[in-house]
């Protein structure tokens, strides 16, 4: 099912030149991503999914980005055979990847290569939602970081796993967070800020008052329109800045 883009994007920009699901394999397993292509793209955006899998939400965001003039690819971190219907399923799927960072990075790499193989531009920014935000930061700390011009997280996981650190050479980071998020707290935000300051990273953090975890998810009881629109505007500015260099 395809969802109609929200007014924020649909009235201002052209529809995607191409929008389709993309089936691919990683080590014999089947995955499904989503490609949205713009006319004369200004850059490429890699979207990393929330913990409920690669869904119509990510498709909708990809369409919005294509309407704004960017190619977008929503990659699949779980695979077609991974159940995501229940909270327990989602905890199992995300927990498995948090415990196996090598596989997490391999899946990022596979999705990135799918995106690059379709895009006439390799100038890329990476963004992620919730679990996907944690994955985006994992990529930023990895040897794949130099493939991107910047990384953005929306209400994403912010903790740095044991054995990893920031070296200050990562591309710029944009952290978009809800002040009422009880899953990733303001203390988590402060901890990351301290780490980035100590390493000398370039980063921006925006906090949206009274916005809970998952404040961008359309139609959910956690959706906050003000925080969603302001964070999308901040991300739009980040894209313009990162692709103008």
C-alpha atoms as a PDB file:
ATOM      1  CA  UNK A   1       0.000   0.000   0.000  1.00  0.00           C
ATOM      2  CA  UNK A   2       1.293   3.432  -0.937  1.00  0.00           C
ATOM      3  CA  UNK A   3       0.523   6.334   1.349  1.00  0.00           C
ATOM      4  CA  UNK A   4      -0.260   9.829   0.123  1.00  0.00           C
ATOM      5  CA  UNK A   5       2.536  12.309   1.018  1.00  0.00           C
ATOM      6  CA  UNK A   6       1.564  14.890   3.601  1.00  0.00           C
ATOM      7  CA  UNK A   7       0.837  18.494   2.656  1.00  0.00           C
ATOM      8  CA  UNK A   8       4.224  19.614   3.931  1.00  0.00           C
ATOM      9  CA  UNK A   9       5.932  18.091   0.894  1.00  0.00           C
ATOM     10  CA  UNK A  10       3.278  17.261  -1.667  1.00  0.00           C
ATOM     11  CA  UNK A  11       2.176  20.803  -2.501  1.00  0.00           C
ATOM     12  CA  UNK A  12       5.656  22.203  -3.004  1.00  0.00           C
ATOM     13  CA  UNK A  13       7.610  19.689  -5.056  1.00  0.00           C
ATOM     14  CA  UNK A  14       7.269  17.296  -7.993  1.00  0.00           C
ATOM     15  CA  UNK A  15       6.244  13.683  -7.450  1.00  0.00           C
ATOM     16  CA  UNK A  16       9.006  11.042  -7.478  1.00  0.00           C
ATOM     17  CA  UNK A  17      10.216  10.167 -10.972  1.00  0.00           C
ATOM     18  CA  UNK A  18      10.307   6.523  -9.884  1.00  0.00           C
ATOM     19  CA  UNK A  19       9.143   4.772  -6.713  1.00  0.00           C
ATOM     20  CA  UNK A  20       9.401   1.023  -6.183  1.00  0.00           C
ATOM     21  CA  UNK A  21      10.220  -1.751  -3.754  1.00  0.00           C
ATOM     22  CA  UNK A  22      13.682  -3.271  -4.232  1.00  0.00           C
ATOM     23  CA  UNK A  23      14.341  -6.933  -3.486  1.00  0.00           C
ATOM     24  CA  UNK A  24      17.910  -7.908  -2.693  1.00  0.00           C
ATOM     25  CA  UNK A  25      19.830 -10.624  -0.879  1.00  0.00           C
ATOM     26  CA  UNK A  26      22.498 -10.605   1.816  1.00  0.00           C
ATOM     27  CA  UNK A  27      24.303 -13.889   2.437  1.00  0.00           C
ATOM     28  CA  UNK A  28      21.403 -15.803   0.911  1.00  0.00           C
ATOM     29  CA  UNK A  29      18.688 -13.993   2.895  1.00  0.00           C
ATOM     30  CA  UNK A  30      15.942 -11.954   1.220  1.00  0.00           C
ATOM     31  CA  UNK A  31      15.509  -8.253   2.018  1.00  0.00           C
ATOM     32  CA  UNK A  32      13.126  -5.579   0.723  1.00  0.00           C
ATOM     33  CA  UNK A  33      14.101  -1.936   0.487  1.00  0.00           C
ATOM     34  CA  UNK A  34      12.373   0.999  -1.188  1.00  0.00           C
ATOM     35  CA  UNK A  35      13.727   3.349  -3.838  1.00  0.00           C
ATOM     36  CA  UNK A  36      12.295   6.822  -4.602  1.00  0.00           C
ATOM     37  CA  UNK A  37      14.005   8.739  -7.378  1.00  0.00           C
ATOM     38  CA  UNK A  38      13.979  12.465  -8.087  1.00  0.00           C
ATOM     39  CA  UNK A  39      14.437  14.326 -11.340  1.00  0.00           C
ATOM     40  CA  UNK A  40      17.946  15.841 -11.390  1.00  0.00           C
ATOM     41  CA  UNK A  41      18.677  14.855  -7.764  1.00  0.00           C
ATOM     42  CA  UNK A  42      20.691  17.149  -5.542  1.00  0.00           C
ATOM     43  CA  UNK A  43      21.912  14.210  -3.478  1.00  0.00           C
ATOM     44  CA  UNK A  44      21.118  10.778  -2.070  1.00  0.00           C
ATOM     45  CA  UNK A  45      19.494  10.081   1.306  1.00  0.00           C
ATOM     46  CA  UNK A  46      19.820   6.673   2.948  1.00  0.00           C
ATOM     47  CA  UNK A  47      16.917   5.977   5.336  1.00  0.00           C
ATOM     48  CA  UNK A  48      17.314   3.473   8.162  1.00  0.00           C
ATOM     49  CA  UNK A  49      14.104   2.014   9.527  1.00  0.00           C
ATOM     50  CA  UNK A  50      12.426   2.093  12.913  1.00  0.00           C
ATOM     51  CA  UNK A  51      12.274  -1.108  14.997  1.00  0.00           C
ATOM     52  CA  UNK A  52       9.048  -2.318  13.371  1.00  0.00           C
ATOM     53  CA  UNK A  53      10.844  -2.984  10.089  1.00  0.00           C
ATOM     54  CA  UNK A  54      10.875  -1.375   6.653  1.00  0.00           C
ATOM     55  CA  UNK A  55       7.255  -0.227   6.388  1.00  0.00           C
ATOM     56  CA  UNK A  56       5.009   2.271   4.611  1.00  0.00           C
ATOM     57  CA  UNK A  57       6.304   4.900   7.028  1.00  0.00           C
ATOM     58  CA  UNK A  58       9.791   4.715   5.505  1.00  0.00           C
ATOM     59  CA  UNK A  59       8.272   4.597   2.015  1.00  0.00           C
ATOM     60  CA  UNK A  60       6.372   7.776   2.762  1.00  0.00           C
ATOM     61  CA  UNK A  61       9.475   9.576   3.997  1.00  0.00           C
ATOM     62  CA  UNK A  62      11.405   8.421   0.919  1.00  0.00           C
ATOM     63  CA  UNK A  63       8.651   9.802  -1.322  1.00  0.00           C
ATOM     64  CA  UNK A  64       8.787  13.104   0.539  1.00  0.00           C
ATOM     65  CA  UNK A  65      12.532  13.334  -0.019  1.00  0.00           C
ATOM     66  CA  UNK A  66      12.192  12.533  -3.721  1.00  0.00           C
ATOM     67  CA  UNK A  67       9.559  15.259  -3.990  1.00  0.00           C
ATOM     68  CA  UNK A  68      12.111  17.641  -2.478  1.00  0.00           C
ATOM     69  CA  UNK A  69      14.670  16.732  -5.121  1.00  0.00           C
ATOM     70  CA  UNK A  70      16.707  13.955  -3.483  1.00  0.00           C
ATOM     71  CA  UNK A  71      17.078  10.316  -4.376  1.00  0.00           C
ATOM     72  CA  UNK A  72      16.143   8.206  -1.356  1.00  0.00           C
ATOM     73  CA  UNK A  73      16.601   4.569  -0.422  1.00  0.00           C
ATOM     74  CA  UNK A  74      15.020   2.979   2.656  1.00  0.00           C
ATOM     75  CA  UNK A  75      17.098  -0.067   3.461  1.00  0.00           C
ATOM     76  CA  UNK A  76      15.953  -3.216   5.261  1.00  0.00           C
ATOM     77  CA  UNK A  77      17.823  -4.173   8.448  1.00  0.00           C
ATOM     78  CA  UNK A  78      15.789  -7.272   9.332  1.00  0.00           C
ATOM     79  CA  UNK A  79      15.009  -9.270   6.198  1.00  0.00           C
ATOM     80  CA  UNK A  80      11.762 -10.703   4.878  1.00  0.00           C
ATOM     81  CA  UNK A  81      11.766 -13.697   7.227  1.00  0.00           C
ATOM     82  CA  UNK A  82      12.015 -11.674  10.463  1.00  0.00           C
ATOM     83  CA  UNK A  83       8.666 -11.212  12.264  1.00  0.00           C
ATOM     84  CA  UNK A  84       7.935  -7.702  13.552  1.00  0.00           C
ATOM     85  CA  UNK A  85       4.256  -7.883  14.473  1.00  0.00           C
ATOM     86  CA  UNK A  86       4.669  -7.765  18.248  1.00  0.00           C
ATOM     87  CA  UNK A  87       6.835  -5.839  20.692  1.00  0.00           C
ATOM     88  CA  UNK A  88       8.618  -9.084  21.584  1.00  0.00           C
ATOM     89  CA  UNK A  89       9.390  -9.693  17.913  1.00  0.00           C
ATOM     90  CA  UNK A  90      10.825  -6.201  17.580  1.00  0.00           C
ATOM     91  CA  UNK A  91      12.911  -6.498  20.714  1.00  0.00           C
ATOM     92  CA  UNK A  92      14.310  -9.782  19.433  1.00  0.00           C
ATOM     93  CA  UNK A  93      15.118  -8.356  15.994  1.00  0.00           C
ATOM     94  CA  UNK A  94      16.814  -5.224  17.294  1.00  0.00           C
ATOM     95  CA  UNK A  95      18.496  -7.028  20.179  1.00  0.00           C
ATOM     96  CA  UNK A  96      20.088  -9.517  17.801  1.00  0.00           C
ATOM     97  CA  UNK A  97      21.687  -6.700  15.843  1.00  0.00           C
ATOM     98  CA  UNK A  98      22.766  -4.758  18.914  1.00  0.00           C
ATOM     99  CA  UNK A  99      24.567  -7.918  20.029  1.00  0.00           C
ATOM    100  CA  UNK A 100      26.120  -8.520  16.599  1.00  0.00           C
ATOM    101  CA  UNK A 101      27.589  -5.238  15.410  1.00  0.00           C
ATOM    102  CA  UNK A 102      29.476  -6.966  12.604  1.00  0.00           C
ATOM    103  CA  UNK A 103      26.192  -8.139  11.069  1.00  0.00           C
ATOM    104  CA  UNK A 104      24.650  -4.710  11.659  1.00  0.00           C
ATOM    105  CA  UNK A 105      27.432  -3.098   9.667  1.00  0.00           C
ATOM    106  CA  UNK A 106      27.218  -5.725   6.921  1.00  0.00           C
ATOM    107  CA  UNK A 107      23.502  -4.964   6.490  1.00  0.00           C
ATOM    108  CA  UNK A 108      24.178  -1.227   6.369  1.00  0.00           C
ATOM    109  CA  UNK A 109      26.822  -1.844   3.713  1.00  0.00           C
ATOM    110  CA  UNK A 110      24.469  -4.012   1.653  1.00  0.00           C
ATOM    111  CA  UNK A 111      21.699  -1.426   1.743  1.00  0.00           C
ATOM    112  CA  UNK A 112      24.095   1.380   0.935  1.00  0.00           C
ATOM    113  CA  UNK A 113      25.390  -0.484  -2.104  1.00  0.00           C
ATOM    114  CA  UNK A 114      21.817  -0.985  -3.331  1.00  0.00           C
ATOM    115  CA  UNK A 115      21.267   2.756  -3.077  1.00  0.00           C
ATOM    116  CA  UNK A 116      24.523   3.697  -4.770  1.00  0.00           C
ATOM    117  CA  UNK A 117      23.916   1.254  -7.618  1.00  0.00           C
ATOM    118  CA  UNK A 118      20.681   3.114  -8.494  1.00  0.00           C
ATOM    119  CA  UNK A 119      21.740   6.690  -7.923  1.00  0.00           C
ATOM    120  CA  UNK A 120      23.459   8.929 -10.443  1.00  0.00           C
ATOM    121  CA  UNK A 121      24.890  10.840  -7.481  1.00  0.00           C
ATOM    122  CA  UNK A 122      26.978   9.305  -4.707  1.00  0.00           C
ATOM    123  CA  UNK A 123      26.791  12.380  -2.473  1.00  0.00           C
ATOM    124  CA  UNK A 124      24.942  10.874   0.482  1.00  0.00           C
ATOM    125  CA  UNK A 125      23.402  11.770   3.842  1.00  0.00           C
ATOM    126  CA  UNK A 126      22.204   9.045   6.215  1.00  0.00           C
ATOM    127  CA  UNK A 127      19.154   9.388   8.458  1.00  0.00           C
ATOM    128  CA  UNK A 128      17.418   7.028  10.857  1.00  0.00           C
ATOM    129  CA  UNK A 129      14.350   6.801  13.076  1.00  0.00           C
ATOM    130  CA  UNK A 130      14.472   5.354  16.633  1.00  0.00           C
ATOM    131  CA  UNK A 131      16.386   2.060  16.181  1.00  0.00           C
ATOM    132  CA  UNK A 132      17.458   3.412  12.804  1.00  0.00           C
ATOM    133  CA  UNK A 133      18.977   6.428  14.515  1.00  0.00           C
ATOM    134  CA  UNK A 134      21.200   4.131  16.551  1.00  0.00           C
ATOM    135  CA  UNK A 135      22.168   2.331  13.342  1.00  0.00           C
ATOM    136  CA  UNK A 136      22.971   5.642  11.634  1.00  0.00           C
ATOM    137  CA  UNK A 137      25.363   6.492  14.477  1.00  0.00           C
ATOM    138  CA  UNK A 138      26.880   3.013  14.208  1.00  0.00           C
ATOM    139  CA  UNK A 139      27.626   3.750  10.563  1.00  0.00           C
ATOM    140  CA  UNK A 140      29.058   7.156  11.516  1.00  0.00           C
ATOM    141  CA  UNK A 141      31.543   5.472  13.856  1.00  0.00           C
ATOM    142  CA  UNK A 142      32.499   2.823  11.282  1.00  0.00           C
ATOM    143  CA  UNK A 143      34.865   2.784   8.330  1.00  0.00           C
ATOM    144  CA  UNK A 144      31.817   3.537   6.147  1.00  0.00           C
ATOM    145  CA  UNK A 145      31.556   7.047   7.598  1.00  0.00           C
ATOM    146  CA  UNK A 146      33.504   8.664   4.782  1.00  0.00           C
ATOM    147  CA  UNK A 147      30.840   7.487   2.314  1.00  0.00           C
ATOM    148  CA  UNK A 148      28.443  10.083   3.755  1.00  0.00           C
ATOM    149  CA  UNK A 149      28.383  13.855   4.086  1.00  0.00           C
ATOM    150  CA  UNK A 150      26.368  13.767   7.298  1.00  0.00           C
ATOM    151  CA  UNK A 151      24.219  11.717   9.647  1.00  0.00           C
ATOM    152  CA  UNK A 152      20.868  12.572  11.240  1.00  0.00           C
ATOM    153  CA  UNK A 153      18.770  10.853  13.894  1.00  0.00           C
ATOM    154  CA  UNK A 154      15.096  11.371  14.727  1.00  0.00           C
ATOM    155  CA  UNK A 155      14.283  10.231  18.297  1.00  0.00           C
ATOM    156  CA  UNK A 156      17.096   7.731  17.834  1.00  0.00           C
ATOM    157  CA  UNK A 157      19.165   5.610  20.161  1.00  0.00           C
ATOM    158  CA  UNK A 158      22.188   7.637  21.253  1.00  0.00           C
ATOM    159  CA  UNK A 159      24.374   5.422  23.428  1.00  0.00           C
ATOM    160  CA  UNK A 160      27.877   4.513  22.304  1.00  0.00           C
ATOM    161  CA  UNK A 161      28.466   0.771  22.760  1.00  0.00           C
ATOM    162  CA  UNK A 162      31.347  -0.548  24.803  1.00  0.00           C
ATOM    163  CA  UNK A 163      34.493  -0.748  22.720  1.00  0.00           C
ATOM    164  CA  UNK A 164      33.489   2.101  20.398  1.00  0.00           C
ATOM    165  CA  UNK A 165      34.174   5.816  20.558  1.00  0.00           C
ATOM    166  CA  UNK A 166      34.104   9.036  18.559  1.00  0.00           C
ATOM    167  CA  UNK A 167      37.371  10.244  17.041  1.00  0.00           C
ATOM    168  CA  UNK A 168      36.209  13.698  15.937  1.00  0.00           C
ATOM    169  CA  UNK A 169      36.722  12.996  12.232  1.00  0.00           C
ATOM    170  CA  UNK A 170      33.170  11.822  11.566  1.00  0.00           C
ATOM    171  CA  UNK A 171      30.966  13.904   9.219  1.00  0.00           C
ATOM    172  CA  UNK A 172      28.586  16.404  10.853  1.00  0.00           C
ATOM    173  CA  UNK A 173      25.773  14.995  12.994  1.00  0.00           C
ATOM    174  CA  UNK A 174      22.222  16.258  13.484  1.00  0.00           C
ATOM    175  CA  UNK A 175      20.391  14.943  16.555  1.00  0.00           C
ATOM    176  CA  UNK A 176      16.631  15.628  16.682  1.00  0.00           C
ATOM    177  CA  UNK A 177      15.108  14.634  19.996  1.00  0.00           C
ATOM    178  CA  UNK A 178      11.950  14.934  22.062  1.00  0.00           C
ATOM    179  CA  UNK A 179      12.243  16.529  25.479  1.00  0.00           C
ATOM    180  CA  UNK A 180       9.590  14.155  26.874  1.00  0.00           C
ATOM    181  CA  UNK A 181      11.254  11.010  25.516  1.00  0.00           C
ATOM    182  CA  UNK A 182      11.417   8.459  28.336  1.00  0.00           C
ATOM    183  CA  UNK A 183      13.052   5.751  26.193  1.00  0.00           C
ATOM    184  CA  UNK A 184      16.109   7.823  25.288  1.00  0.00           C
ATOM    185  CA  UNK A 185      16.392  10.365  28.059  1.00  0.00           C
ATOM    186  CA  UNK A 186      17.845  13.844  28.260  1.00  0.00           C
ATOM    187  CA  UNK A 187      20.698  12.296  30.227  1.00  0.00           C
ATOM    188  CA  UNK A 188      21.448  10.140  27.168  1.00  0.00           C
ATOM    189  CA  UNK A 189      21.461  13.301  25.064  1.00  0.00           C
ATOM    190  CA  UNK A 190      23.865  14.993  27.483  1.00  0.00           C
ATOM    191  CA  UNK A 191      26.152  11.965  27.548  1.00  0.00           C
ATOM    192  CA  UNK A 192      26.429  11.935  23.777  1.00  0.00           C
ATOM    193  CA  UNK A 193      27.017  15.698  23.697  1.00  0.00           C
ATOM    194  CA  UNK A 194      29.850  15.318  26.193  1.00  0.00           C
ATOM    195  CA  UNK A 195      31.410  12.537  24.105  1.00  0.00           C
ATOM    196  CA  UNK A 196      31.185  14.584  20.917  1.00  0.00           C
ATOM    197  CA  UNK A 197      32.572  17.689  22.594  1.00  0.00           C
ATOM    198  CA  UNK A 198      35.499  15.733  24.002  1.00  0.00           C
ATOM    199  CA  UNK A 199      36.275  14.269  20.578  1.00  0.00           C
ATOM    200  CA  UNK A 200      35.854  17.575  18.748  1.00  0.00           C
ATOM    201  CA  UNK A 201      32.980  16.531  16.484  1.00  0.00           C
ATOM    202  CA  UNK A 202      30.779  18.907  14.514  1.00  0.00           C
ATOM    203  CA  UNK A 203      27.199  18.360  15.636  1.00  0.00           C
ATOM    204  CA  UNK A 204      23.846  20.041  16.200  1.00  0.00           C
ATOM    205  CA  UNK A 205      21.175  18.938  18.667  1.00  0.00           C
ATOM    206  CA  UNK A 206      17.579  20.157  18.669  1.00  0.00           C
ATOM    207  CA  UNK A 207      15.206  19.354  21.541  1.00  0.00           C
ATOM    208  CA  UNK A 208      11.438  19.651  21.072  1.00  0.00           C
ATOM    209  CA  UNK A 209       9.488  20.392  24.247  1.00  0.00           C
ATOM    210  CA  UNK A 210       6.854  17.891  25.359  1.00  0.00           C
ATOM    211  CA  UNK A 211       7.609  15.635  22.387  1.00  0.00           C
ATOM    212  CA  UNK A 212       7.649  11.936  23.330  1.00  0.00           C
ATOM    213  CA  UNK A 213       9.604   9.106  21.802  1.00  0.00           C
ATOM    214  CA  UNK A 214       8.557   8.443  18.160  1.00  0.00           C
ATOM    215  CA  UNK A 215       7.095  11.949  17.808  1.00  0.00           C
ATOM    216  CA  UNK A 216       7.371  11.828  13.985  1.00  0.00           C
ATOM    217  CA  UNK A 217       5.265   8.688  13.433  1.00  0.00           C
ATOM    218  CA  UNK A 218       2.156   9.788  11.556  1.00  0.00           C
ATOM    219  CA  UNK A 219      -1.145   8.607  13.022  1.00  0.00           C
ATOM    220  CA  UNK A 220       0.313   7.247  16.267  1.00  0.00           C
ATOM    221  CA  UNK A 221      -0.683   8.416  19.740  1.00  0.00           C
ATOM    222  CA  UNK A 222       2.862   9.761  20.126  1.00  0.00           C
ATOM    223  CA  UNK A 223       2.807  11.937  17.027  1.00  0.00           C
ATOM    224  CA  UNK A 224       3.414  15.630  17.710  1.00  0.00           C
ATOM    225  CA  UNK A 225       2.841  17.786  14.657  1.00  0.00           C
ATOM    226  CA  UNK A 226       4.923  20.751  15.811  1.00  0.00           C
ATOM    227  CA  UNK A 227       7.967  18.638  16.614  1.00  0.00           C
ATOM    228  CA  UNK A 228       7.561  16.647  13.412  1.00  0.00           C
ATOM    229  CA  UNK A 229       7.399  19.739  11.207  1.00  0.00           C
ATOM    230  CA  UNK A 230      10.210  21.553  13.009  1.00  0.00           C
ATOM    231  CA  UNK A 231      12.492  18.526  12.938  1.00  0.00           C
ATOM    232  CA  UNK A 232      11.768  17.953   9.237  1.00  0.00           C
ATOM    233  CA  UNK A 233      12.584  21.598   8.544  1.00  0.00           C
ATOM    234  CA  UNK A 234      15.849  21.237  10.467  1.00  0.00           C
ATOM    235  CA  UNK A 235      16.694  18.110   8.501  1.00  0.00           C
ATOM    236  CA  UNK A 236      15.822  19.847   5.222  1.00  0.00           C
ATOM    237  CA  UNK A 237      18.252  22.631   6.097  1.00  0.00           C
ATOM    238  CA  UNK A 238      20.883  20.054   7.016  1.00  0.00           C
ATOM    239  CA  UNK A 239      20.495  18.428   3.581  1.00  0.00           C
ATOM    240  CA  UNK A 240      20.844  21.754   1.801  1.00  0.00           C
ATOM    241  CA  UNK A 241      23.955  22.555   3.796  1.00  0.00           C
ATOM    242  CA  UNK A 242      25.600  19.152   3.368  1.00  0.00           C
ATOM    243  CA  UNK A 243      24.927  18.957  -0.372  1.00  0.00           C
ATOM    244  CA  UNK A 244      26.012  22.530  -1.079  1.00  0.00           C
ATOM    245  CA  UNK A 245      29.697  21.859  -0.384  1.00  0.00           C
END
